[in-house]
Amino acid sequence: MEYDFEGPVWEWRGPSPYHFVTVPDECVDGLRALASGVSYGWGMVPVSERVAVDDVVRVRIAVV
């Protein structure tokens, strides 16, 4: 399953900082359906991603 979308990058500043792009609403239902089978247990879904940055961030994710 692949999704292409754009969005702003935001940073979570914790003990191990991460950068995120929020998944758009139109992608959520498909990812949620897969999450129970592939999640690490706290809602994270492993993906391979490709990010292109110019004026906005363009993201392509593939659930692995």
C-alpha atoms as a PDB file:
ATOM      1  CA  MET A   1       0.000   0.000   0.000  1.00  0.00           C
ATOM      2  CA  GLU A   2       1.444   3.383  -0.971  1.00  0.00           C
ATOM      3  CA  TYR A   3       0.404   6.945  -0.215  1.00  0.00           C
ATOM      4  CA  ASP A   4       1.685  10.201  -1.667  1.00  0.00           C
ATOM      5  CA  PHE A   5       1.028  13.421   0.226  1.00  0.00           C
ATOM      6  CA  GLU A   6       2.442  16.807   1.182  1.00  0.00           C
ATOM      7  CA  GLY A   7       2.623  18.595   4.510  1.00  0.00           C
ATOM      8  CA  PRO A   8       4.722  20.623   6.904  1.00  0.00           C
ATOM      9  CA  VAL A   9       7.438  18.908   8.932  1.00  0.00           C
ATOM     10  CA  TRP A  10       7.155  19.191  12.700  1.00  0.00           C
ATOM     11  CA  GLU A  11       9.590  18.100  15.385  1.00  0.00           C
ATOM     12  CA  TRP A  12       8.909  16.202  18.575  1.00  0.00           C
ATOM     13  CA  ARG A  13      11.579  17.302  21.039  1.00  0.00           C
ATOM     14  CA  GLY A  14      11.908  14.503  23.507  1.00  0.00           C
ATOM     15  CA  PRO A  15      14.829  12.460  24.787  1.00  0.00           C
ATOM     16  CA  SER A  16      15.123  11.090  21.223  1.00  0.00           C
ATOM     17  CA  PRO A  17      13.862  13.830  18.898  1.00  0.00           C
ATOM     18  CA  TYR A  18      11.972  12.823  15.772  1.00  0.00           C
ATOM     19  CA  HIS A  19      10.645  14.690  12.754  1.00  0.00           C
ATOM     20  CA  PHE A  20       7.129  13.985  11.516  1.00  0.00           C
ATOM     21  CA  VAL A  21       4.784  14.864   8.700  1.00  0.00           C
ATOM     22  CA  THR A  22       1.152  14.442   9.728  1.00  0.00           C
ATOM     23  CA  VAL A  23      -0.694  11.868   7.622  1.00  0.00           C
ATOM     24  CA  PRO A  24      -3.699  13.460   5.878  1.00  0.00           C
ATOM     25  CA  ASP A  25      -7.217  12.353   6.804  1.00  0.00           C
ATOM     26  CA  GLU A  26      -7.784  10.572   3.479  1.00  0.00           C
ATOM     27  CA  CYS A  27      -4.917   8.141   4.282  1.00  0.00           C
ATOM     28  CA  VAL A  28      -5.801   7.422   7.910  1.00  0.00           C
ATOM     29  CA  ASP A  29      -8.452   4.714   7.465  1.00  0.00           C
ATOM     30  CA  GLY A  30      -6.214   2.525   5.305  1.00  0.00           C
ATOM     31  CA  LEU A  31      -3.262   2.874   7.661  1.00  0.00           C
ATOM     32  CA  ARG A  32      -5.422   2.249  10.708  1.00  0.00           C
ATOM     33  CA  ALA A  33      -6.723  -0.989   9.165  1.00  0.00           C
ATOM     34  CA  LEU A  34      -3.147  -2.232   8.695  1.00  0.00           C
ATOM     35  CA  ALA A  35      -1.748  -0.952  11.992  1.00  0.00           C
ATOM     36  CA  SER A  36      -2.972  -3.772  14.222  1.00  0.00           C
ATOM     37  CA  GLY A  37      -1.018  -6.287  12.145  1.00  0.00           C
ATOM     38  CA  VAL A  38       2.208  -4.339  11.717  1.00  0.00           C
ATOM     39  CA  SER A  39       2.434  -1.883  14.627  1.00  0.00           C
ATOM     40  CA  TYR A  40       5.162  -2.102  17.235  1.00  0.00           C
ATOM     41  CA  GLY A  41       2.460  -1.730  19.885  1.00  0.00           C
ATOM     42  CA  TRP A  42       2.235   2.019  20.438  1.00  0.00           C
ATOM     43  CA  GLY A  43       0.679   2.995  17.133  1.00  0.00           C
ATOM     44  CA  MET A  44       3.823   3.360  15.054  1.00  0.00           C
ATOM     45  CA  VAL A  45       3.546   1.761  11.633  1.00  0.00           C
ATOM     46  CA  PRO A  46       6.883   0.822  10.018  1.00  0.00           C
ATOM     47  CA  VAL A  47       7.220   2.272   6.533  1.00  0.00           C
ATOM     48  CA  SER A  48       9.809   2.887   3.902  1.00  0.00           C
ATOM     49  CA  GLU A  49       9.673   6.514   2.913  1.00  0.00           C
ATOM     50  CA  ARG A  50      10.931   8.946   0.384  1.00  0.00           C
ATOM     51  CA  VAL A  51      10.954  12.648   1.135  1.00  0.00           C
ATOM     52  CA  ALA A  52      11.509  15.492  -1.315  1.00  0.00           C
ATOM     53  CA  VAL A  53      11.900  19.005   0.048  1.00  0.00           C
ATOM     54  CA  ASP A  54      11.442  22.273  -1.820  1.00  0.00           C
ATOM     55  CA  ASP A  55       8.723  24.743  -0.789  1.00  0.00           C
ATOM     56  CA  VAL A  56       6.736  21.936   0.842  1.00  0.00           C
ATOM     57  CA  VAL A  57       7.570  18.403   1.890  1.00  0.00           C
ATOM     58  CA  ARG A  58       6.352  15.679  -0.434  1.00  0.00           C
ATOM     59  CA  VAL A  59       6.210  12.240   1.121  1.00  0.00           C
ATOM     60  CA  ARG A  60       5.739   8.777  -0.348  1.00  0.00           C
ATOM     61  CA  ILE A  61       5.316   5.988   2.169  1.00  0.00           C
ATOM     62  CA  ALA A  62       4.954   2.271   1.635  1.00  0.00           C
ATOM     63  CA  VAL A  63       3.804   0.109   4.520  1.00  0.00           C
ATOM     64  CA  VAL A  64       6.313  -2.708   5.003  1.00  0.00           C
END
